[in-house]
Amino acid sequence: MKKTLDASHGRTAFELQGYHARGEWGVMAPVDAAVNDRVVKEHGRVSSCYLVEHRSIWGITDSHDDSGVRSTTCPLFAREY
């Protein structure tokens, strides 16, 4: 049975995506958070990690497209990353 992230876990996917969009990188190492802060202004992949019920959930946003738009963010459990 595949587990999903919903309100029963105390956090929703939308809530975690909101943290990610605001630059709240979760439990990332300080050096990785600093890289995110830099690449938000440049081209590059942005990642975040949150702990929900002792499980890591990653948020990954692909780098800018040719028009400068970040259009895809994907939440993943650590085993899916």
Foldseek 3Di string as FASTA:
>chain_A
DDDDADCVQVDHPVRVVVCQVVLVQAPDDPVLSVVQVVCVVPWAKHKHWHATPNWIKMKIWHTADPVRDTDDIDIDTPVVD
